[in-house]
Amino acid sequence: MGKTLCKLVDDDYMETHFKAYSELVKSPKYICKKCGRASNDDNKLCKPKKIKA
C-alpha cells in the first residue's frame, strides 16, 4: 500500500478497511502541509512535516 491518505480516502479505503486506516492515523508524528491530514508514517502524506512535541 503505497498510496497517500488523500488517495486512500478518495478510494473509500477508510470505509472498507477502517481498522487498518485507523492504525495509520493513531499517534500521529507528521501532518500534511497540503491537506492537513495527520499520520504516524510520513510516506502516507503528500507534503509531510514533522510535528514538534
Protein backbone atom coordinates (compact mmCIF):
# COMPACT_ATOMS: atom_id res chain seq x y z
CA MET A 1 0.00 0.00 0.00
CA GLY A 2 1.99 2.96 -1.27
CA LYS A 3 -0.85 5.47 -1.55
CA THR A 4 -1.20 8.65 0.49
CA LEU A 5 -4.05 9.17 2.93
CA CYS A 6 -5.67 11.59 0.45
CA LYS A 7 -5.81 8.89 -2.22
CA LEU A 8 -6.91 6.21 0.24
CA VAL A 9 -9.87 8.33 1.35
CA ASP A 10 -10.78 9.07 -2.28
CA ASP A 11 -10.71 5.32 -2.97
CA ASP A 12 -13.04 4.62 0.01
CA TYR A 13 -10.25 2.70 1.77
CA MET A 14 -11.23 4.25 5.10
CA GLU A 15 -14.77 2.91 4.73
CA THR A 16 -13.75 -0.60 3.67
CA HIS A 17 -10.62 -1.01 5.85
CA PHE A 18 -11.35 1.18 8.85
CA LYS A 19 -9.13 -0.69 11.33
CA ALA A 20 -6.06 -0.57 9.04
CA TYR A 21 -6.69 3.11 8.25
CA SER A 22 -7.04 3.96 11.93
CA GLU A 23 -3.61 2.42 12.60
CA LEU A 24 -2.10 4.90 10.10
CA VAL A 25 -3.51 7.90 11.95
CA LYS A 26 -3.01 6.63 15.51
CA SER A 27 -0.46 8.71 17.48
CA PRO A 28 0.48 10.92 14.51
CA LYS A 29 4.02 12.23 14.17
CA TYR A 30 3.53 14.08 10.87
CA ILE A 31 0.99 16.46 9.38
CA CYS A 32 0.42 17.14 5.68
CA LYS A 33 1.05 20.76 4.72
CA LYS A 34 -1.27 20.29 1.72
CA CYS A 35 -4.44 18.71 3.14
CA GLY A 36 -4.00 18.80 6.92
CA ARG A 37 -4.26 15.05 7.46
CA ALA A 38 -2.01 13.52 10.12
CA SER A 39 -0.22 10.17 10.22
CA ASN A 40 2.44 8.23 12.07
CA ASP A 41 4.06 7.41 8.69
CA ASP A 42 5.44 10.32 6.62
CA ASN A 43 5.22 8.19 3.46
CA LYS A 44 1.42 8.32 3.71
CA LEU A 45 1.26 12.12 3.36
CA CYS A 46 1.62 14.32 0.25
CA LYS A 47 3.74 17.03 1.93
CA PRO A 48 4.69 15.75 5.40
CA LYS A 49 6.06 17.95 8.16
CA LYS A 50 7.18 16.53 11.49
CA ILE A 51 5.00 17.56 14.43
CA LYS A 52 7.15 19.05 17.16
CA ALA A 53 6.49 17.68 20.63
